[in-house]
């Protein structure tokens, strides 16, 4: 037996994400993945340039000094910081740590994650500059 009712089809416009600030921020955060792909490709290019010898490496450094590439890399860095901040804000919700029968707030976890990030960054920069 078939029904005569028409199925409910919810309309979805291409601009659905522009209606609420939460959705706009969600799309911005998800858009950071494009810049992560850019950074990954530049990194792979650098590894192959390093393997190719001094002349190839000089070409890679010249590529990095292009103002457009420099601007894209700065935007990619800012996108990575935004992604890191939102990820660190999300981590305490998944941890659900209980201390003395009370649920721990998110602040200590977020601060610990930022502290580890800063320490590791400083160590990597120190090793790279030596």
Protein backbone atom coordinates (compact mmCIF):
# COMPACT_ATOMS: atom_id res chain seq x y z
CA UNK A 1 0.00 0.00 0.00
CA UNK A 2 1.41 3.40 -0.90
CA UNK A 3 0.70 6.66 0.79
CA UNK A 4 -0.51 9.80 -0.90
CA UNK A 5 1.44 12.10 1.40
CA UNK A 6 4.37 13.95 -0.03
CA UNK A 7 7.64 13.39 1.82
CA UNK A 8 8.99 16.30 3.84
CA UNK A 9 12.02 17.76 2.10
CA UNK A 10 13.82 20.41 4.08
CA UNK A 11 15.19 23.14 1.86
CA UNK A 12 18.85 23.90 2.28
CA UNK A 13 20.13 27.08 0.72
CA UNK A 14 23.81 27.55 -0.14
CA UNK A 15 23.96 30.38 2.42
CA UNK A 16 22.63 28.38 5.39
CA UNK A 17 25.81 29.06 7.37
CA UNK A 18 25.48 32.85 7.08
CA UNK A 19 22.36 33.06 9.24
CA UNK A 20 23.93 32.56 12.69
CA UNK A 21 27.23 33.70 14.14
CA UNK A 22 27.90 30.20 15.47
CA UNK A 23 27.65 28.74 11.97
CA UNK A 24 29.86 31.49 10.49
CA UNK A 25 32.54 30.79 13.09
CA UNK A 26 32.18 27.05 12.43
CA UNK A 27 32.77 27.59 8.72
CA UNK A 28 35.76 29.86 9.47
CA UNK A 29 37.26 27.20 11.71
CA UNK A 30 36.69 24.47 9.14
CA UNK A 31 38.18 26.76 6.48
CA UNK A 32 41.48 26.68 8.35
CA UNK A 33 41.97 23.21 6.87
CA UNK A 34 42.62 24.78 3.45
CA UNK A 35 45.50 26.75 4.90
CA UNK A 36 46.78 23.62 6.67
CA UNK A 37 46.92 21.91 3.27
CA UNK A 38 48.83 24.93 1.90
CA UNK A 39 51.36 24.69 4.72
CA UNK A 40 51.73 20.93 4.21
CA UNK A 41 52.44 21.41 0.50
CA UNK A 42 55.03 24.11 1.23
CA UNK A 43 56.66 21.83 3.79
CA UNK A 44 56.81 18.94 1.32
CA UNK A 45 58.25 21.29 -1.31
CA UNK A 46 60.90 22.35 1.22
CA UNK A 47 61.86 18.76 2.02
CA UNK A 48 62.30 17.93 -1.65
CA UNK A 49 64.24 21.16 -2.19
CA UNK A 50 66.53 20.24 0.69
CA UNK A 51 67.07 16.83 -0.87
CA UNK A 52 67.80 18.45 -4.26
CA UNK A 53 70.91 20.29 -3.11
CA UNK A 54 72.03 23.87 -2.56
CA UNK A 55 70.63 25.28 -5.80
CA UNK A 56 67.22 23.72 -5.22
CA UNK A 57 67.21 24.98 -1.62
CA UNK A 58 68.05 28.51 -2.80
CA UNK A 59 65.05 28.35 -5.14
CA UNK A 60 62.84 27.29 -2.24
CA UNK A 61 64.09 30.16 -0.07
CA UNK A 62 63.42 32.53 -2.96
CA UNK A 63 59.90 31.12 -3.20
CA UNK A 64 59.36 31.74 0.52
CA UNK A 65 60.55 35.35 0.16
CA UNK A 66 57.83 36.15 -2.36
CA UNK A 67 55.51 38.72 -0.69
CA UNK A 68 52.36 36.81 -1.70
CA UNK A 69 53.71 33.55 -0.24
CA UNK A 70 54.79 35.40 2.91
CA UNK A 71 51.29 36.86 3.30
CA UNK A 72 49.65 33.45 2.79
CA UNK A 73 52.02 31.92 5.36
CA UNK A 74 51.15 34.62 7.91
CA UNK A 75 47.44 34.00 7.33
CA UNK A 76 48.08 30.24 7.68
CA UNK A 77 49.86 30.88 11.00
CA UNK A 78 46.92 32.92 12.28
CA UNK A 79 44.52 30.18 11.14
CA UNK A 80 46.61 27.58 12.99
CA UNK A 81 46.49 29.67 16.17
CA UNK A 82 42.70 30.01 15.84
CA UNK A 83 42.36 26.27 15.29
CA UNK A 84 44.62 25.56 18.29
CA UNK A 85 42.63 27.90 20.53
CA UNK A 86 39.30 26.33 19.62
CA UNK A 87 40.76 22.83 20.01
CA UNK A 88 42.18 23.66 23.44
CA UNK A 89 38.81 25.11 24.50
CA UNK A 90 37.14 21.87 23.42
CA UNK A 91 39.61 19.49 25.14
CA UNK A 92 38.36 19.95 28.74
CA UNK A 93 34.84 18.98 27.68
CA UNK A 94 36.15 15.61 26.51
CA UNK A 95 38.48 15.08 29.49
CA UNK A 96 35.82 15.19 32.24
CA UNK A 97 38.43 15.07 35.03
CA UNK A 98 37.15 14.59 38.60
CA UNK A 99 39.25 15.68 41.60
CA UNK A 100 38.03 15.05 45.17
CA UNK A 101 34.53 14.13 43.93
CA UNK A 102 34.22 17.42 42.04
CA UNK A 103 34.46 17.99 38.33
CA UNK A 104 37.48 20.12 37.44
CA UNK A 105 36.82 23.33 35.53
CA UNK A 106 38.26 23.88 32.07
CA UNK A 107 40.74 26.63 33.00
CA UNK A 108 43.59 24.46 34.39
CA UNK A 109 43.47 22.13 31.39
CA UNK A 110 43.46 24.95 28.85
CA UNK A 111 46.30 26.74 30.65
CA UNK A 112 48.32 23.52 30.81
CA UNK A 113 47.84 22.91 27.09
CA UNK A 114 48.99 26.45 26.25
CA UNK A 115 51.97 26.11 28.59
CA UNK A 116 53.05 22.87 26.91
CA UNK A 117 52.61 24.48 23.49
CA UNK A 118 54.75 27.48 24.44
CA UNK A 119 57.48 25.34 26.02
CA UNK A 120 57.67 23.00 23.03
CA UNK A 121 57.71 25.97 20.62
CA UNK A 122 60.56 27.64 22.51
CA UNK A 123 62.55 24.38 22.55
CA UNK A 124 62.05 23.86 18.81
CA UNK A 125 63.07 27.45 18.06
CA UNK A 126 66.14 27.15 20.30
CA UNK A 127 67.23 23.96 18.53
CA UNK A 128 66.55 25.49 15.10
CA UNK A 129 68.58 28.63 15.86
CA UNK A 130 71.63 26.78 17.18
